[in-house]
Amino acid sequence: MNQTAICNLALLRLGINQQIADITDASPQARACNMVYDQCVESMLHERPWPFAVRQVDLALVGEQQITDWYYTYRYPSNYLNVHKVLPTLVTDDSVPVIYTAAPTALDIDTYPFAIGSDDDGKLIHTDVVDAVALGTVHVTDTSQYSALFCGALAWYIAAEIAVSLTKDRTLYGNAYAQYEAKVSEAFAASANEPKPRPDRPADMIRARS
């Protein structure tokens, strides 16, 4: 489904039969959809780590001991909506930060502690990990990467956001948003269950993050 098809589904769910030919049309329906579409997509992507929108990047080092509590400071990736994990480029038994040497092995750590900060140039990531990489969500606008369930949930979200302006019926907002909350949980559960986890590896094996 493309943007226009998703918006037409949202209109249909509000009982509005007048469909739009394009999201950039001058009609009230198209203008309403166009005003909320990007915000709805970004909010959904920010809310959960959708697999199709998660990217891994090498973090750019800003400096060492920039603040008291952390060894390293990195620049927050400019295209990230949020950060889910911070990890070393290579995870080995020797790559656990000094303050975590009591941990069983580095391979047992799903993510390393980090904090978000900022300076005059933008957002920062503070951590104790040297040569760090981050996994985070980016704003994916290509609807061909969305699943049918994601598109369905997005249509309900758009329907909720435009309900009052187009219908003046506030009960439709509540009904549509309740449907969205149910459908977005269903969509994320389906996407999260699709991958098949690999079996645990021996603790002395090097695991590359590439």
Protein backbone atom coordinates (compact mmCIF):
# COMPACT_ATOMS: atom_id res chain seq x y z
CA MET A 1 0.00 0.00 0.00
CA ASN A 2 1.20 3.52 -0.75
CA GLN A 3 0.52 6.66 1.29
CA THR A 4 -2.69 7.45 -0.54
CA ALA A 5 -4.08 3.94 -0.15
CA ILE A 6 -3.34 3.98 3.56
CA CYS A 7 -5.08 7.34 3.93
CA ASN A 8 -8.09 6.14 1.95
CA LEU A 9 -8.35 3.17 4.31
CA ALA A 10 -8.29 5.59 7.23
CA LEU A 11 -11.11 7.63 5.66
CA LEU A 12 -13.14 4.49 5.00
CA ARG A 13 -12.83 3.50 8.66
CA LEU A 14 -14.36 6.85 9.61
CA GLY A 15 -17.30 6.24 7.30
CA ILE A 16 -16.07 8.80 4.77
CA ASN A 17 -16.78 7.46 1.29
CA GLN A 18 -15.14 10.32 -0.61
CA GLN A 19 -11.71 8.92 -1.42
CA ILE A 20 -8.64 10.94 -2.41
CA ALA A 21 -6.62 10.51 -5.60
CA ASP A 22 -3.40 11.66 -3.95
CA ILE A 23 -2.34 12.71 -0.48
CA THR A 24 -1.29 16.09 -1.89
CA ASP A 25 -4.79 16.89 -3.22
CA ALA A 26 -6.47 20.14 -2.20
CA SER A 27 -9.54 18.39 -0.77
CA PRO A 28 -10.23 18.65 2.99
CA GLN A 29 -9.73 14.89 3.31
CA ALA A 30 -6.32 14.94 1.62
CA ARG A 31 -5.16 18.01 3.54
CA ALA A 32 -6.11 16.42 6.85
CA CYS A 33 -4.31 13.18 6.00
CA ASN A 34 -1.24 15.02 4.71
CA MET A 35 -0.96 17.05 7.91
CA VAL A 36 -0.80 14.01 10.19
CA TYR A 37 0.70 11.26 8.01
CA ASP A 38 4.42 11.81 8.73
CA GLN A 39 3.81 12.42 12.42
CA CYS A 40 1.84 9.18 12.71
CA VAL A 41 4.53 7.15 10.94
CA GLU A 42 7.31 8.67 13.03
CA SER A 43 5.40 8.11 16.25
CA MET A 44 4.76 4.45 15.40
CA LEU A 45 8.41 3.87 14.51
CA HIS A 46 9.57 5.60 17.68
CA GLU A 47 7.21 3.57 19.82
CA ARG A 48 8.63 0.12 19.03
CA PRO A 49 11.81 -1.35 17.45
CA TRP A 50 10.21 -2.46 14.18
CA PRO A 51 12.71 -4.81 12.49
CA PHE A 52 12.38 -3.15 9.06
CA ALA A 53 13.37 0.22 10.53
CA VAL A 54 16.29 -0.85 12.75
CA ARG A 55 19.76 0.07 11.50
CA GLN A 56 23.26 -0.45 12.92
CA VAL A 57 25.95 2.22 12.63
CA ASP A 58 29.47 2.77 13.91
CA LEU A 59 29.36 5.62 16.38
CA ALA A 60 31.59 8.66 15.87
CA LEU A 61 33.74 9.33 18.93
CA VAL A 62 33.47 12.86 20.32
CA GLY A 63 35.97 12.32 23.14
CA GLU A 64 36.91 10.48 26.32
CA GLN A 65 35.72 11.34 29.82
CA GLN A 66 33.52 14.18 28.60
CA ILE A 67 31.39 13.79 31.70
CA THR A 68 32.27 12.21 35.02
CA ASP A 69 30.07 9.12 34.87
CA TRP A 70 31.12 7.71 31.48
CA TYR A 71 34.39 6.82 29.75
CA TYR A 72 33.41 7.63 26.15
CA THR A 73 31.11 10.07 24.38
CA TYR A 74 29.84 9.52 20.84
CA ARG A 75 27.76 11.61 18.45
CA TYR A 76 24.13 10.52 18.32
CA PRO A 77 23.38 9.30 14.75
CA SER A 78 21.59 12.10 12.92
CA ASN A 79 19.11 9.78 11.20
CA TYR A 80 18.06 7.91 14.34
CA LEU A 81 14.68 8.36 15.98
CA ASN A 82 15.97 6.48 19.04
CA VAL A 83 18.74 4.12 20.16
CA HIS A 84 17.96 0.58 21.32
CA LYS A 85 21.38 -0.90 21.97
CA VAL A 86 25.01 0.13 22.32
CA LEU A 87 27.61 -2.60 21.78
CA PRO A 88 31.30 -3.03 20.99
CA THR A 89 32.21 -3.58 17.34
CA LEU A 90 33.51 -6.99 18.40
CA VAL A 91 32.12 -8.72 21.46
CA THR A 92 34.61 -11.02 23.19
CA ASP A 93 35.28 -12.14 26.74
CA ASP A 94 37.87 -9.34 26.97
CA SER A 95 35.64 -6.51 25.77
CA VAL A 96 33.58 -6.04 28.93
CA PRO A 97 34.19 -2.55 30.33
CA VAL A 98 36.28 -2.50 33.51
CA ILE A 99 33.33 -1.71 35.73
CA TYR A 100 31.55 -4.83 34.42
CA THR A 101 34.29 -7.39 34.93
CA ALA A 102 32.06 -9.18 37.41
CA ALA A 103 29.66 -10.07 34.59
CA PRO A 104 29.69 -13.79 33.57
CA THR A 105 30.82 -13.09 29.99
CA ALA A 106 30.37 -10.29 27.49
CA LEU A 107 28.31 -12.63 25.34
CA ASP A 108 25.65 -12.69 28.07
CA ILE A 109 25.14 -8.93 27.76
CA ASP A 110 22.37 -7.94 25.36
CA THR A 111 23.24 -4.25 25.50
CA TYR A 112 25.69 -2.09 27.41
CA PRO A 113 24.55 0.79 29.61
CA PHE A 114 24.45 4.19 27.99
CA ALA A 115 22.99 7.64 28.55
CA ILE A 116 21.78 10.34 26.20
CA GLY A 117 23.15 13.85 26.44
CA SER A 118 23.78 16.84 24.21
CA ASP A 119 26.18 19.64 23.40
CA ASP A 120 26.04 22.70 21.15
CA ASP A 121 26.27 20.46 18.06
CA GLY A 122 23.44 18.07 18.95
CA LYS A 123 22.66 14.89 20.82
CA LEU A 124 25.30 12.61 22.36
CA ILE A 125 25.59 9.03 23.57
CA HIS A 126 27.62 8.44 26.73
CA THR A 127 28.83 4.90 27.46
CA ASP A 128 31.78 2.86 28.75
CA VAL A 129 32.14 0.97 25.45
CA VAL A 130 35.19 1.59 23.26
CA ASP A 131 34.70 1.46 19.46
CA ALA A 132 30.95 1.34 19.96
CA VAL A 133 28.18 0.62 17.50
CA ALA A 134 24.52 1.40 18.00
CA LEU A 135 21.29 -0.20 16.89
CA GLY A 136 18.43 2.21 16.51
CA THR A 137 15.31 3.09 14.56
CA VAL A 138 15.35 5.35 11.51
CA HIS A 139 12.40 7.06 9.82
CA VAL A 140 11.52 4.69 6.97
CA THR A 141 9.19 6.39 4.48
CA ASP A 142 9.18 3.63 1.85
CA THR A 143 5.78 2.00 2.34
CA SER A 144 6.89 -1.11 0.43
CA GLN A 145 8.85 -2.03 3.56
CA TYR A 146 5.71 -1.89 5.71
CA SER A 147 3.83 -5.09 6.40
CA ALA A 148 0.09 -5.31 5.78
CA LEU A 149 -0.47 -5.31 9.54
CA PHE A 150 1.67 -2.21 9.97
CA CYS A 151 -0.29 -0.42 7.24
CA GLY A 152 -3.54 -1.44 8.88
CA ALA A 153 -2.46 -0.08 12.25
CA LEU A 154 -1.18 3.12 10.64
CA ALA A 155 -4.55 3.64 8.94
CA TRP A 156 -6.29 3.41 12.31
CA TYR A 157 -3.82 5.91 13.79
CA ILE A 158 -4.44 8.37 10.95
CA ALA A 159 -8.18 7.82 11.32
CA ALA A 160 -7.97 8.75 14.99
CA GLU A 161 -5.94 11.89 14.29
CA ILE A 162 -8.27 13.22 11.58
CA ALA A 163 -11.58 12.05 13.07
CA VAL A 164 -12.56 15.22 14.88
CA SER A 165 -11.51 17.66 12.15
CA LEU A 166 -13.41 15.81 9.42
CA THR A 167 -16.45 14.45 11.28
CA LYS A 168 -16.76 16.64 14.40
CA ASP A 169 -17.54 13.38 16.23
CA ARG A 170 -15.21 12.97 19.22
CA THR A 171 -16.37 9.43 19.90
CA LEU A 172 -14.85 8.36 16.59
CA TYR A 173 -11.44 9.48 17.85
CA GLY A 174 -11.65 7.22 20.89
CA ASN A 175 -12.93 4.27 18.89
CA ALA A 176 -10.26 4.64 16.21
CA TYR A 177 -7.46 5.06 18.73
CA ALA A 178 -8.58 1.96 20.63
CA GLN A 179 -8.46 0.02 17.37
CA TYR A 180 -5.01 1.43 16.68
CA GLU A 181 -3.65 0.32 20.06
CA ALA A 182 -4.92 -3.21 19.47
CA LYS A 183 -3.71 -3.43 15.88
CA VAL A 184 -0.26 -1.93 16.49
CA SER A 185 0.40 -4.50 19.21
CA GLU A 186 -0.72 -7.27 16.86
CA ALA A 187 1.46 -5.94 14.05
CA PHE A 188 4.56 -5.65 16.20
CA ALA A 189 4.10 -9.09 17.71
CA ALA A 190 3.91 -10.57 14.22
CA SER A 191 7.05 -8.73 13.06
CA ALA A 192 8.99 -9.63 16.20
CA ASN A 193 8.05 -13.31 15.90
CA GLU A 194 9.14 -13.60 12.27
CA PRO A 195 12.92 -13.98 12.83
CA LYS A 196 14.28 -17.32 13.99
CA PRO A 197 16.83 -16.78 16.78
CA ARG A 198 20.14 -18.56 16.33
CA PRO A 199 21.21 -21.01 19.06
CA ASP A 200 23.47 -19.84 21.86
CA ARG A 201 27.16 -19.78 20.96
CA PRO A 202 30.03 -20.90 23.16
CA ALA A 203 31.19 -18.16 25.54
CA ASP A 204 34.68 -18.08 24.06
CA MET A 205 33.48 -17.41 20.50
CA ILE A 206 33.95 -13.96 19.03
CA ARG A 207 30.73 -12.42 17.81
CA ALA A 208 31.18 -9.76 15.15
CA ARG A 209 28.82 -6.81 14.90
CA SER A 210 28.77 -5.78 11.26
